[in-house]
Amino acid sequence: MSLRCVNQLQCGGKIRWPELVGTDPAKAVAIIKKENVEVDTVIIDDGSQVFLGFCCNRVIIFTGGSSKIIRIPQIG
């Protein structure tokens, strides 16, 4: 992975997991780690403050009131 990556196109491996919307975050973390070993996952409540800056090794997982994923997990 490039230290200078500024968008998803520069990241290696799988970058988006639309199939995980509506699933349990813990299950999603396991799937994401299996499909792209280079990333770390961060689970946050929707509406929370997000991290500044783009990282090729970070996947943010947004959860809603039902504790299910409500946005497409993706590198960023």
N, C-alpha and C. Protein backbone atom coordinates (compact mmCIF):
# COMPACT_ATOMS: atom_id res chain seq x y z
N MET A 1 0.83 -1.19 0.00
CA MET A 1 0.00 0.00 0.00
C MET A 1 0.87 1.25 0.00
N SER A 2 0.41 2.22 -0.68
CA SER A 2 1.14 3.48 -0.77
C SER A 2 0.88 4.34 0.46
N LEU A 3 1.93 4.97 0.97
CA LEU A 3 1.75 5.90 2.07
C LEU A 3 1.11 7.20 1.60
N ARG A 4 1.07 7.40 0.30
CA ARG A 4 0.53 8.63 -0.25
C ARG A 4 -0.87 8.44 -0.84
N CYS A 5 -1.52 7.35 -0.56
CA CYS A 5 -2.82 7.12 -1.18
C CYS A 5 -3.81 8.20 -0.73
N VAL A 6 -4.56 8.68 -1.67
CA VAL A 6 -5.54 9.72 -1.39
C VAL A 6 -6.95 9.32 -1.84
N ASN A 7 -7.07 8.19 -2.51
CA ASN A 7 -8.39 7.71 -2.88
C ASN A 7 -8.38 6.19 -2.99
N GLN A 8 -9.55 5.61 -3.06
CA GLN A 8 -9.68 4.16 -3.05
C GLN A 8 -8.99 3.47 -4.21
N LEU A 9 -8.87 4.13 -5.33
CA LEU A 9 -8.26 3.50 -6.50
C LEU A 9 -6.79 3.18 -6.29
N GLN A 10 -6.15 3.83 -5.33
CA GLN A 10 -4.74 3.59 -5.05
C GLN A 10 -4.52 2.48 -4.02
N CYS A 11 -5.58 2.01 -3.41
CA CYS A 11 -5.47 0.97 -2.39
C CYS A 11 -5.49 -0.41 -3.04
N GLY A 12 -4.78 -1.35 -2.44
CA GLY A 12 -4.78 -2.70 -2.96
C GLY A 12 -5.88 -3.55 -2.35
N GLY A 13 -6.25 -4.61 -3.03
CA GLY A 13 -7.25 -5.54 -2.51
C GLY A 13 -8.66 -5.00 -2.61
N LYS A 14 -9.57 -5.72 -1.99
CA LYS A 14 -10.98 -5.33 -2.00
C LYS A 14 -11.14 -4.04 -1.21
N ILE A 15 -11.99 -3.13 -1.70
CA ILE A 15 -12.14 -1.82 -1.06
C ILE A 15 -13.55 -1.52 -0.58
N ARG A 16 -14.56 -2.26 -1.04
CA ARG A 16 -15.96 -2.02 -0.65
C ARG A 16 -16.65 -3.34 -0.38
N TRP A 17 -17.60 -3.32 0.57
CA TRP A 17 -18.35 -4.52 0.94
C TRP A 17 -19.84 -4.21 1.00
N PRO A 18 -20.49 -3.93 -0.14
CA PRO A 18 -21.93 -3.59 -0.12
C PRO A 18 -22.80 -4.75 0.38
N GLU A 19 -22.32 -5.96 0.23
CA GLU A 19 -23.09 -7.13 0.65
C GLU A 19 -23.23 -7.23 2.17
N LEU A 20 -22.49 -6.42 2.91
CA LEU A 20 -22.52 -6.49 4.38
C LEU A 20 -23.52 -5.53 5.02
N VAL A 21 -24.16 -4.68 4.24
CA VAL A 21 -25.17 -3.78 4.79
C VAL A 21 -26.31 -4.62 5.37
N GLY A 22 -26.69 -4.32 6.60
CA GLY A 22 -27.75 -5.05 7.28
C GLY A 22 -27.27 -6.22 8.12
N THR A 23 -25.96 -6.48 8.10
CA THR A 23 -25.43 -7.61 8.87
C THR A 23 -24.87 -7.15 10.22
N ASP A 24 -24.52 -8.12 11.02
CA ASP A 24 -23.92 -7.88 12.33
C ASP A 24 -22.48 -7.38 12.16
N PRO A 25 -22.09 -6.32 12.86
CA PRO A 25 -20.73 -5.78 12.71
C PRO A 25 -19.62 -6.77 13.01
N ALA A 26 -19.78 -7.61 14.02
CA ALA A 26 -18.72 -8.58 14.35
C ALA A 26 -18.52 -9.57 13.21
N LYS A 27 -19.60 -10.01 12.61
CA LYS A 27 -19.51 -10.92 11.46
C LYS A 27 -18.83 -10.20 10.29
N ALA A 28 -19.18 -8.94 10.08
CA ALA A 28 -18.60 -8.16 9.00
C ALA A 28 -17.10 -7.98 9.17
N VAL A 29 -16.66 -7.74 10.39
CA VAL A 29 -15.23 -7.57 10.66
C VAL A 29 -14.47 -8.82 10.22
N ALA A 30 -14.98 -9.98 10.56
CA ALA A 30 -14.32 -11.24 10.19
C ALA A 30 -14.25 -11.40 8.68
N ILE A 31 -15.32 -11.06 7.98
CA ILE A 31 -15.35 -11.17 6.52
C ILE A 31 -14.37 -10.19 5.89
N ILE A 32 -14.38 -8.96 6.35
CA ILE A 32 -13.49 -7.93 5.80
C ILE A 32 -12.03 -8.33 6.01
N LYS A 33 -11.69 -8.77 7.20
CA LYS A 33 -10.30 -9.19 7.49
C LYS A 33 -9.87 -10.36 6.61
N LYS A 34 -10.80 -11.27 6.34
CA LYS A 34 -10.50 -12.42 5.49
C LYS A 34 -10.26 -11.99 4.04
N GLU A 35 -11.04 -11.03 3.57
CA GLU A 35 -10.97 -10.61 2.17
C GLU A 35 -9.90 -9.56 1.89
N ASN A 36 -9.44 -8.85 2.93
CA ASN A 36 -8.35 -7.88 2.77
C ASN A 36 -7.58 -7.81 4.08
N VAL A 37 -6.52 -8.58 4.16
CA VAL A 37 -5.74 -8.69 5.40
C VAL A 37 -4.97 -7.41 5.74
N GLU A 38 -4.91 -6.47 4.83
CA GLU A 38 -4.15 -5.24 5.03
C GLU A 38 -4.93 -4.17 5.80
N VAL A 39 -6.21 -4.41 6.11
CA VAL A 39 -7.01 -3.35 6.71
C VAL A 39 -7.34 -3.61 8.17
N ASP A 40 -7.57 -2.52 8.88
CA ASP A 40 -8.12 -2.55 10.23
C ASP A 40 -9.54 -2.02 10.14
N THR A 41 -10.41 -2.48 11.01
CA THR A 41 -11.79 -2.03 10.99
C THR A 41 -12.09 -1.16 12.20
N VAL A 42 -12.97 -0.20 12.00
CA VAL A 42 -13.42 0.68 13.07
C VAL A 42 -14.94 0.70 13.02
N ILE A 43 -15.58 0.32 14.12
CA ILE A 43 -17.05 0.32 14.19
C ILE A 43 -17.48 1.57 14.95
N ILE A 44 -18.34 2.38 14.32
CA ILE A 44 -18.84 3.58 14.99
C ILE A 44 -20.34 3.72 14.74
N ASP A 45 -21.01 4.42 15.66
CA ASP A 45 -22.43 4.71 15.50
C ASP A 45 -22.62 5.76 14.42
N ASP A 46 -23.65 5.58 13.61
CA ASP A 46 -23.96 6.57 12.58
C ASP A 46 -24.22 7.91 13.25
N GLY A 47 -23.68 8.96 12.69
CA GLY A 47 -23.81 10.29 13.26
C GLY A 47 -22.65 10.69 14.14
N SER A 48 -21.79 9.74 14.47
CA SER A 48 -20.60 10.06 15.26
C SER A 48 -19.57 10.77 14.40
N GLN A 49 -18.67 11.46 15.05
CA GLN A 49 -17.61 12.14 14.33
C GLN A 49 -16.69 11.10 13.71
N VAL A 50 -16.36 11.30 12.44
CA VAL A 50 -15.46 10.37 11.75
C VAL A 50 -14.06 10.93 11.71
N PHE A 51 -13.13 10.08 11.35
CA PHE A 51 -11.72 10.42 11.32
C PHE A 51 -11.40 11.32 10.13
N LEU A 52 -10.49 12.24 10.34
CA LEU A 52 -10.04 13.09 9.25
C LEU A 52 -8.92 12.37 8.50
N GLY A 53 -8.84 12.60 7.24
CA GLY A 53 -7.79 11.99 6.44
C GLY A 53 -8.21 10.64 5.89
N PHE A 54 -7.62 10.29 4.79
CA PHE A 54 -7.92 9.04 4.10
C PHE A 54 -6.84 8.02 4.41
N CYS A 55 -7.23 6.80 4.70
CA CYS A 55 -6.27 5.72 4.96
C CYS A 55 -6.64 4.49 4.15
N CYS A 56 -5.68 3.93 3.45
CA CYS A 56 -5.91 2.69 2.70
C CYS A 56 -6.04 1.48 3.61
N ASN A 57 -5.68 1.62 4.86
CA ASN A 57 -5.72 0.46 5.75
C ASN A 57 -6.83 0.56 6.79
N ARG A 58 -7.83 1.40 6.54
CA ARG A 58 -8.92 1.57 7.50
C ARG A 58 -10.27 1.38 6.81
N VAL A 59 -11.12 0.55 7.41
CA VAL A 59 -12.50 0.39 6.96
C VAL A 59 -13.39 0.84 8.10
N ILE A 60 -14.23 1.82 7.83
CA ILE A 60 -15.16 2.31 8.84
C ILE A 60 -16.49 1.60 8.64
N ILE A 61 -17.00 1.04 9.74
CA ILE A 61 -18.28 0.33 9.72
C ILE A 61 -19.27 1.16 10.52
N PHE A 62 -20.32 1.67 9.85
CA PHE A 62 -21.33 2.48 10.51
C PHE A 62 -22.50 1.61 10.94
N THR A 63 -22.86 1.71 12.22
CA THR A 63 -24.00 0.95 12.73
C THR A 63 -25.12 1.90 13.12
N GLY A 64 -26.34 1.37 13.09
CA GLY A 64 -27.51 2.16 13.46
C GLY A 64 -28.09 1.69 14.78
N GLY A 65 -29.28 2.17 15.10
CA GLY A 65 -29.94 1.82 16.35
C GLY A 65 -30.19 0.34 16.52
N SER A 66 -30.28 -0.39 15.41
CA SER A 66 -30.53 -1.83 15.48
C SER A 66 -29.23 -2.62 15.63
N SER A 67 -28.11 -1.93 15.76
CA SER A 67 -26.78 -2.55 15.86
C SER A 67 -26.43 -3.35 14.61
N LYS A 68 -27.00 -2.98 13.49
CA LYS A 68 -26.66 -3.58 12.21
C LYS A 68 -25.96 -2.53 11.35
N ILE A 69 -25.22 -2.98 10.36
CA ILE A 69 -24.50 -2.07 9.46
C ILE A 69 -25.51 -1.34 8.58
N ILE A 70 -25.40 -0.01 8.52
CA ILE A 70 -26.37 0.78 7.76
C ILE A 70 -25.78 1.50 6.54
N ARG A 71 -24.46 1.49 6.42
CA ARG A 71 -23.79 2.08 5.24
C ARG A 71 -22.82 1.05 4.69
N ILE A 72 -22.47 1.20 3.43
CA ILE A 72 -21.52 0.27 2.82
C ILE A 72 -20.15 0.44 3.48
N PRO A 73 -19.63 -0.63 4.09
CA PRO A 73 -18.26 -0.55 4.62
C PRO A 73 -17.28 -0.38 3.46
N GLN A 74 -16.37 0.57 3.61
CA GLN A 74 -15.38 0.80 2.56
C GLN A 74 -14.13 1.42 3.15
N ILE A 75 -13.06 1.25 2.40
CA ILE A 75 -11.78 1.83 2.80
C ILE A 75 -11.90 3.34 2.79
N GLY A 76 -11.26 3.96 3.76
CA GLY A 76 -11.29 5.42 3.78
C GLY A 76 -10.73 6.04 5.00
